[in-house]
Amino acid sequence: MKAAVLNSFSAPLVIQDVPDPVLGTGEVIVDVAAAGVASYAANVFNGSRNYPLELPVVPGPGGVGRVRATGPDATKLKPGDWVFVDSTIRSRDNVANPEQILLGWTYRTPAALPLHRYYHHGSFAEQMLVPTENATPIGPIEAADAGRWTALARLLVPFGGLLAGNLQAGETLVVNGATGGFGGAGVAVALAMGAGRVVATGRNQGTLEDIARRFGQRVRTVRFTGDEAADRQSICEAAGGPIDMVLDFLPREASAAQVRSAVMAVKLGGRVILMGGLRGDEGNLGLNYNWLMHNETMVRGVWMYGKNAIPRMVQMVRAGLIDLAQFDLTEFGLDEANEAVAYAAANAGPRHLTVLRPDRAFENNR
């Protein structure tokens, strides 16, 4: 089969022939129709993100496609079914504390290396091999719409955080870092779940204005000034009342003060879900023990989402609660993988989807 292969960091992807995946028990082979390209993919491929990743590898964390073959233990999936492929693969030999990898992207700990080596290649290819439980049926779709369904990967991450924080209908939520891809998706998902008000924070005024324009009166926006106290006051004023929950998606370039400006605005008994990327000294949030205790604040880190989130998100899309048309879609053929990576980096934002389509050829007319 044809695939885009990363042979060395800082080198372009190479389109080459690789062996077809071989089916085993408890596995599924999927014909890849569409694979999302992350805005930061270039930083993964040049090594600057320092993701643990053994080379060579076919990258690509998950995607959308049709089942080609199933193992003998499959009871529902059948060839031809349209599926969303979840990139989060968990070890099966320690259910209480499983090792985890992101298919074709990274592994979390050295103990997860065997899993990364076995389920190694991702979705920048014509086919991929995944555990049966990682292929979730999405129902019949038109092949032309497969690229839009890759938005599930964008939506599921904040959905996992909102489920972990037990967001309830009518509550007030702060999405901290709403101008990024996951944060922007978090606004849409929270509204679909019935949030009464969403306060969207970020640095890009134009993107904040676009979020407010698209989502209407239940959304308020706050642009960060860099003054922690002033930003917290602005968040509280935008909320117009008690803040029940904070969903933080601030990137690694942000500061701990930006996190605190939202975290310490929550009401008595409020919840804080951390899903962002702060690194180094900025990862030390400096939260006050006495304040956390007396404010009865729950602070929880969440990585990705549980398996039950996927069929629930599919149901939300099918019910019309989430509109995949909200995303601006740009598609590339597999032969244009490097162009797609560059395009994704230059067009980051909550509304942009960059997608590889290994299932069809393209004329480069963009």
Protein backbone atom coordinates (compact mmCIF):
# COMPACT_ATOMS: atom_id res chain seq x y z
CA MET A 1 0.00 0.00 0.00
CA LYS A 2 1.01 3.64 -0.36
CA ALA A 3 1.83 5.69 2.74
CA ALA A 4 3.48 8.93 3.86
CA VAL A 5 6.49 7.88 5.94
CA LEU A 6 8.55 9.90 8.42
CA ASN A 7 12.03 8.39 8.12
CA SER A 8 13.90 11.01 10.13
CA PHE A 9 13.09 14.14 12.12
CA SER A 10 13.42 17.40 10.20
CA ALA A 11 13.09 15.56 6.87
CA PRO A 12 9.98 15.75 4.67
CA LEU A 13 7.49 12.91 4.61
CA VAL A 14 8.25 10.42 1.87
CA ILE A 15 5.46 8.82 -0.15
CA GLN A 16 6.43 5.19 -0.56
CA ASP A 17 5.11 1.64 -0.65
CA VAL A 18 4.94 -0.18 2.69
CA PRO A 19 3.64 -3.68 3.48
CA ASP A 20 -0.11 -4.08 3.88
CA PRO A 21 -1.15 -4.65 7.51
CA VAL A 22 -1.69 -8.27 8.55
CA LEU A 23 -4.88 -9.03 10.45
CA GLY A 24 -4.84 -10.75 13.84
CA THR A 25 -7.41 -11.72 16.44
CA GLY A 26 -8.98 -8.72 18.15
CA GLU A 27 -7.99 -6.41 15.31
CA VAL A 28 -9.52 -4.56 12.39
CA ILE A 29 -8.03 -3.37 9.11
CA VAL A 30 -9.52 -0.08 7.93
CA ASP A 31 -9.32 1.46 4.47
CA VAL A 32 -8.49 5.06 5.32
CA ALA A 33 -10.73 7.62 3.66
CA ALA A 34 -9.73 10.71 5.62
CA ALA A 35 -7.05 11.58 8.18
CA GLY A 36 -6.85 14.85 10.06
CA VAL A 37 -3.62 16.85 10.00
CA ALA A 38 -2.91 18.68 13.26
CA SER A 39 -1.80 22.29 13.14
CA TYR A 40 1.30 21.33 15.14
CA ALA A 41 2.17 18.28 13.03
CA ALA A 42 5.22 20.05 11.59
CA ASN A 43 6.62 20.43 15.12
CA VAL A 44 6.11 16.74 15.81
CA PHE A 45 7.83 15.79 12.57
CA ASN A 46 10.81 18.13 13.04
CA GLY A 47 11.35 16.86 16.60
CA SER A 48 10.84 20.19 18.33
CA ARG A 49 7.88 18.85 20.32
CA ASN A 50 10.08 16.05 21.66
CA TYR A 51 7.32 13.48 21.33
CA PRO A 52 8.56 9.94 22.01
CA LEU A 53 8.25 8.37 18.57
CA GLU A 54 10.29 5.58 16.99
CA LEU A 55 11.20 6.03 13.35
CA PRO A 56 10.48 5.19 10.65
CA VAL A 57 6.76 5.57 11.13
CA VAL A 58 3.62 6.27 9.15
CA PRO A 59 2.19 9.13 11.23
CA GLY A 60 -1.41 10.11 11.69
CA PRO A 61 -3.44 9.77 14.89
CA GLY A 62 -6.74 8.20 13.85
CA GLY A 63 -9.17 9.01 11.09
CA VAL A 64 -12.27 7.91 9.23
CA GLY A 65 -12.62 4.97 6.87
CA ARG A 66 -14.35 1.74 5.99
CA VAL A 67 -13.72 -1.65 7.52
CA ARG A 68 -11.76 -3.90 5.17
CA ALA A 69 -11.49 -6.96 7.44
CA THR A 70 -12.20 -8.00 11.02
CA GLY A 71 -10.74 -10.63 13.29
CA PRO A 72 -12.66 -13.84 14.09
CA ASP A 73 -13.86 -12.45 17.41
CA ALA A 74 -15.71 -9.42 15.96
CA THR A 75 -19.46 -9.63 16.65
CA LYS A 76 -20.89 -6.45 15.12
CA LEU A 77 -18.39 -4.81 12.78
CA LYS A 78 -18.39 -6.02 9.21
CA PRO A 79 -16.52 -5.11 6.03
CA GLY A 80 -17.82 -1.93 4.47
CA ASP A 81 -18.89 -0.28 7.74
CA TRP A 82 -17.94 3.36 8.10
CA VAL A 83 -15.94 3.87 11.30
CA PHE A 84 -14.14 6.52 13.28
CA VAL A 85 -10.71 5.25 14.35
CA ASP A 86 -9.73 6.37 17.82
CA SER A 87 -6.00 7.03 18.12
CA THR A 88 -5.81 6.28 21.86
CA ILE A 89 -4.73 2.66 22.24
CA ARG A 90 -4.64 1.18 25.73
CA SER A 91 -2.85 -1.97 26.83
CA ARG A 92 -5.10 -4.93 27.61
CA ASP A 93 -2.95 -6.60 30.26
CA ASN A 94 -3.54 -4.08 33.06
CA VAL A 95 -7.08 -2.76 32.94
CA ALA A 96 -6.73 -0.88 36.24
CA ASN A 97 -3.69 1.11 35.08
CA PRO A 98 -3.18 0.62 31.33
CA GLU A 99 -0.28 1.89 29.29
CA GLN A 100 -1.38 4.24 26.51
CA ILE A 101 -0.19 5.40 23.11
CA LEU A 102 -1.48 7.64 20.36
CA LEU A 103 -1.38 5.61 17.17
CA GLY A 104 1.24 6.91 14.75
CA TRP A 105 1.97 9.85 17.03
CA THR A 106 3.60 9.11 20.39
CA TYR A 107 3.78 6.83 23.41
CA ARG A 108 3.41 8.14 26.95
CA THR A 109 5.93 6.10 28.95
CA PRO A 110 8.80 3.66 28.27
CA ALA A 111 6.53 0.85 29.47
CA ALA A 112 4.21 1.61 26.53
CA LEU A 113 6.97 1.06 23.97
CA PRO A 114 5.93 -2.52 23.06
CA LEU A 115 2.44 -1.23 22.30
CA HIS A 116 3.88 1.56 20.16
CA ARG A 117 6.06 -0.89 18.26
CA TYR A 118 3.18 -3.26 17.51
CA TYR A 119 0.48 -0.70 16.67
CA HIS A 120 3.03 1.52 15.05
CA HIS A 121 1.70 3.02 11.85
CA GLY A 122 -1.04 5.62 11.71
CA SER A 123 -3.53 6.96 9.23
CA PHE A 124 -1.36 8.73 6.62
CA ALA A 125 -1.75 5.57 4.55
CA GLU A 126 -4.25 3.69 2.47
CA GLN A 127 -4.86 1.16 5.27
CA MET A 128 -4.26 0.89 9.00
CA LEU A 129 -4.44 -1.84 11.63
CA VAL A 130 -6.13 -1.09 14.96
CA PRO A 131 -7.59 -2.95 17.93
CA THR A 132 -11.24 -3.82 17.33
CA GLU A 133 -12.38 -1.54 20.15
CA ASN A 134 -10.74 1.44 18.43
CA ALA A 135 -13.08 1.31 15.43
CA THR A 136 -16.43 2.91 16.29
CA PRO A 137 -19.27 2.72 13.73
CA ILE A 138 -20.60 6.11 12.63
CA GLY A 139 -23.36 4.84 10.35
CA PRO A 140 -23.79 5.41 6.62
CA ILE A 141 -22.17 8.53 5.18
CA GLU A 142 -21.29 9.79 1.72
CA ALA A 143 -17.63 9.22 0.89
CA ALA A 144 -17.35 12.92 0.05
CA ASP A 145 -18.25 13.76 3.67
CA ALA A 146 -15.54 11.60 5.28
CA GLY A 147 -13.23 14.59 5.75
CA ARG A 148 -15.81 16.44 7.85
CA TRP A 149 -16.20 13.42 10.13
CA THR A 150 -12.54 13.71 11.12
CA ALA A 151 -13.77 16.65 13.23
CA LEU A 152 -14.80 14.02 15.77
CA ALA A 153 -11.17 13.88 16.88
CA ARG A 154 -11.25 17.64 17.53
CA LEU A 155 -14.58 17.49 19.36
CA LEU A 156 -13.93 14.41 21.46
CA VAL A 157 -11.00 15.85 23.41
CA PRO A 158 -13.00 18.67 25.06
CA PHE A 159 -15.99 16.33 25.36
CA GLY A 160 -13.81 14.05 27.47
CA GLY A 161 -12.94 16.96 29.73
CA LEU A 162 -16.53 18.13 30.03
CA LEU A 163 -17.69 14.63 30.91
CA ALA A 164 -14.92 14.32 33.51
CA GLY A 165 -15.99 17.65 35.01
CA ASN A 166 -19.65 16.59 34.96
CA LEU A 167 -20.90 19.69 33.16
CA GLN A 168 -24.62 20.11 33.77
CA ALA A 169 -27.28 21.88 31.70
CA GLY A 170 -27.57 25.54 32.61
CA GLU A 171 -24.13 25.83 34.21
CA THR A 172 -21.58 28.54 33.48
CA LEU A 173 -18.31 27.34 31.96
CA VAL A 174 -15.05 29.13 31.22
CA VAL A 175 -13.16 27.69 28.25
CA ASN A 176 -9.65 28.99 28.91
CA GLY A 177 -7.78 29.11 25.61
CA ALA A 178 -10.83 29.05 23.34
CA THR A 179 -9.01 30.43 20.31
CA GLY A 180 -7.18 27.14 19.69
CA GLY A 181 -8.53 24.07 17.94
CA PHE A 182 -9.55 22.07 21.02
CA GLY A 183 -10.68 25.11 22.98
CA GLY A 184 -12.87 26.36 20.15
CA ALA A 185 -14.39 22.90 19.79
CA GLY A 186 -14.98 22.92 23.55
CA VAL A 187 -17.25 25.95 23.18
CA ALA A 188 -19.38 24.13 20.61
CA VAL A 189 -19.57 20.93 22.65
CA ALA A 190 -20.43 22.73 25.89
CA LEU A 191 -23.31 24.55 24.21
CA ALA A 192 -24.54 21.28 22.74
CA MET A 193 -24.49 19.78 26.24
CA GLY A 194 -26.70 22.61 27.52
CA ALA A 195 -24.27 25.04 29.15
CA GLY A 196 -26.17 28.17 30.10
CA ARG A 197 -23.22 30.46 29.45
CA VAL A 198 -19.74 29.93 28.09
CA VAL A 199 -16.96 32.45 28.68
CA ALA A 200 -14.33 32.04 25.97
CA THR A 201 -10.87 33.44 26.73
CA GLY A 202 -7.83 33.89 24.50
CA ARG A 203 -5.35 36.31 23.01
CA ASN A 204 -6.61 36.58 19.42
CA GLN A 205 -9.30 39.24 19.33
CA GLY A 206 -10.40 38.39 15.81
CA THR A 207 -10.93 34.74 16.66
CA LEU A 208 -12.82 35.65 19.83
CA GLU A 209 -15.12 37.92 17.82
CA ASP A 210 -15.73 35.10 15.36
CA ILE A 211 -16.62 32.71 18.22
CA ALA A 212 -19.08 35.22 19.67
CA ARG A 213 -20.65 35.86 16.25
CA ARG A 214 -21.10 32.17 15.46
CA PHE A 215 -22.43 30.96 18.79
CA GLY A 216 -24.65 33.84 19.89
CA GLN A 217 -25.83 35.22 23.20
CA ARG A 218 -24.86 32.27 25.40
CA VAL A 219 -21.19 33.03 24.71
CA ARG A 220 -19.12 35.88 26.12
CA THR A 221 -15.48 36.52 25.28
CA VAL A 222 -12.51 37.85 27.23
CA ARG A 223 -9.21 38.84 25.65
CA PHE A 224 -6.19 38.30 27.87
CA THR A 225 -4.25 41.44 28.80
CA GLY A 226 -1.50 39.72 30.79
CA ASP A 227 -2.68 41.31 34.06
CA GLU A 228 -3.86 38.33 36.13
CA ALA A 229 -6.15 40.27 38.46
CA ALA A 230 -7.67 42.33 35.65
CA ASP A 231 -8.22 39.27 33.50
CA ARG A 232 -9.94 37.47 36.39
CA GLN A 233 -12.21 40.44 36.94
CA SER A 234 -13.09 40.47 33.22
CA ILE A 235 -13.90 36.75 33.34
CA CYS A 236 -16.18 37.22 36.34
CA GLU A 237 -17.95 40.15 34.69
CA ALA A 238 -18.44 38.19 31.47
CA ALA A 239 -19.87 35.25 33.41
CA GLY A 240 -22.51 37.47 34.98
CA GLY A 241 -22.75 35.16 37.98
CA PRO A 242 -21.10 32.18 39.66
CA ILE A 243 -18.69 30.15 37.52
CA ASP A 244 -19.30 26.44 37.91
CA MET A 245 -16.42 25.03 35.91
CA VAL A 246 -13.23 25.86 34.01
CA LEU A 247 -11.99 23.81 31.04
CA ASP A 248 -8.38 24.83 30.40
CA PHE A 249 -6.78 24.34 26.99
CA LEU A 250 -4.02 26.93 27.16
CA PRO A 251 -1.02 25.97 25.00
CA ARG A 252 2.57 25.51 26.08
CA GLU A 253 3.33 29.12 25.11
CA ALA A 254 0.89 30.46 27.73
CA SER A 255 1.68 31.45 31.31
CA ALA A 256 0.65 30.05 34.66
CA ALA A 257 -0.93 33.44 35.41
CA GLN A 258 -3.36 32.94 32.52
CA VAL A 259 -4.42 29.62 34.00
CA ARG A 260 -4.83 31.08 37.48
CA SER A 261 -6.88 34.00 36.18
CA ALA A 262 -9.65 31.53 35.30
CA VAL A 263 -9.08 28.81 37.91
CA MET A 264 -9.40 31.18 40.86
CA ALA A 265 -12.62 32.65 39.47
CA VAL A 266 -14.64 29.49 40.12
CA LYS A 267 -17.39 29.53 42.73
CA LEU A 268 -17.34 27.66 46.03
CA GLY A 269 -17.23 23.98 45.08
CA GLY A 270 -16.28 24.74 41.48
CA ARG A 271 -14.48 22.32 39.18
CA VAL A 272 -11.32 22.81 37.11
CA ILE A 273 -10.31 20.49 34.28
CA LEU A 274 -6.75 20.84 32.97
CA MET A 275 -6.15 19.62 29.38
CA GLY A 276 -3.66 22.19 28.09
CA GLY A 277 0.03 22.09 27.39
CA LEU A 278 1.97 24.31 29.80
CA ARG A 279 5.59 23.21 30.15
CA GLY A 280 8.64 23.96 32.25
CA ASP A 281 8.35 26.47 35.07
CA GLU A 282 5.00 27.66 33.72
CA GLY A 283 3.63 24.19 34.46
CA ASN A 284 3.93 25.11 38.15
CA LEU A 285 0.57 26.83 38.60
CA GLY A 286 1.28 28.20 42.07
CA LEU A 287 -2.24 27.47 43.31
CA ASN A 288 -2.74 28.33 46.97
CA TYR A 289 -3.39 25.33 49.21
CA ASN A 290 -5.49 27.37 51.64
CA TRP A 291 -7.62 28.82 48.85
CA LEU A 292 -8.20 25.41 47.22
CA MET A 293 -9.26 23.90 50.52
CA HIS A 294 -11.56 26.68 51.68
CA ASN A 295 -13.05 27.15 48.21
CA GLU A 296 -13.61 23.37 47.99
CA THR A 297 -12.26 23.42 44.43
CA MET A 298 -11.82 20.22 42.47
CA VAL A 299 -8.78 20.31 40.16
CA ARG A 300 -8.37 17.39 37.79
CA GLY A 301 -6.08 16.65 34.90
CA VAL A 302 -7.66 14.84 31.93
CA TRP A 303 -5.87 13.26 28.97
CA MET A 304 -8.03 12.53 25.94
CA TYR A 305 -11.39 10.83 26.60
CA GLY A 306 -13.01 7.54 27.52
CA LYS A 307 -14.29 5.00 25.01
CA ASN A 308 -17.91 5.72 25.89
CA ALA A 309 -17.48 9.32 24.69
CA ILE A 310 -17.14 8.28 21.05
CA PRO A 311 -20.58 6.75 20.39
CA ARG A 312 -22.13 9.56 22.42
CA MET A 313 -20.46 12.17 20.22
CA VAL A 314 -21.63 10.32 17.10
CA GLN A 315 -25.17 10.49 18.50
CA MET A 316 -24.82 14.23 19.12
CA VAL A 317 -23.79 14.78 15.50
CA ARG A 318 -26.57 12.55 14.19
CA ALA A 319 -29.10 14.40 16.38
CA GLY A 320 -28.01 17.77 14.97
CA LEU A 321 -26.63 19.03 18.29
CA ILE A 322 -23.19 19.35 16.69
CA ASP A 323 -22.95 20.68 13.14
CA LEU A 324 -19.85 19.45 11.32
CA ALA A 325 -20.42 22.17 8.72
CA GLN A 326 -19.12 24.70 11.25
CA PHE A 327 -15.59 23.68 10.21
CA ASP A 328 -13.81 25.07 7.16
CA LEU A 329 -12.47 21.99 5.38
CA THR A 330 -9.41 21.81 3.14
CA GLU A 331 -8.45 18.42 1.71
CA PHE A 332 -5.23 17.08 0.17
CA GLY A 333 -4.33 13.85 -1.54
CA LEU A 334 -1.86 11.50 0.10
CA ASP A 335 0.81 12.56 -2.40
CA GLU A 336 0.41 16.09 -1.04
CA ALA A 337 1.12 15.14 2.58
CA ASN A 338 3.92 17.69 3.02
CA GLU A 339 1.78 20.44 1.54
CA ALA A 340 -1.00 19.47 3.95
CA VAL A 341 1.34 19.71 6.95
CA ALA A 342 2.48 23.18 5.89
CA TYR A 343 -1.08 24.29 5.22
CA ALA A 344 -2.28 23.08 8.63
CA ALA A 345 0.49 25.05 10.37
CA ALA A 346 -0.38 28.22 8.47
CA ASN A 347 -4.12 27.88 9.01
CA ALA A 348 -4.45 26.94 12.66
CA GLY A 349 -7.59 27.92 14.50
CA PRO A 350 -10.83 26.56 15.87
CA ARG A 351 -12.65 26.53 12.54
CA HIS A 352 -10.00 25.01 10.27
CA LEU A 353 -9.79 21.32 9.38
CA THR A 354 -6.91 20.10 7.23
CA VAL A 355 -7.43 16.57 5.98
CA LEU A 356 -5.53 13.98 3.95
CA ARG A 357 -7.64 11.84 1.62
CA PRO A 358 -5.76 8.59 0.87
CA ASP A 359 -8.89 7.30 -0.88
CA ARG A 360 -8.66 9.57 -3.89
CA ALA A 361 -6.30 11.58 -6.07
CA PHE A 362 -6.34 15.39 -6.16
CA GLU A 363 -5.36 17.99 -8.65
CA ASN A 364 -3.45 20.69 -6.82
CA ASN A 365 -5.67 23.66 -7.64
CA ARG A 366 -5.64 25.41 -4.27
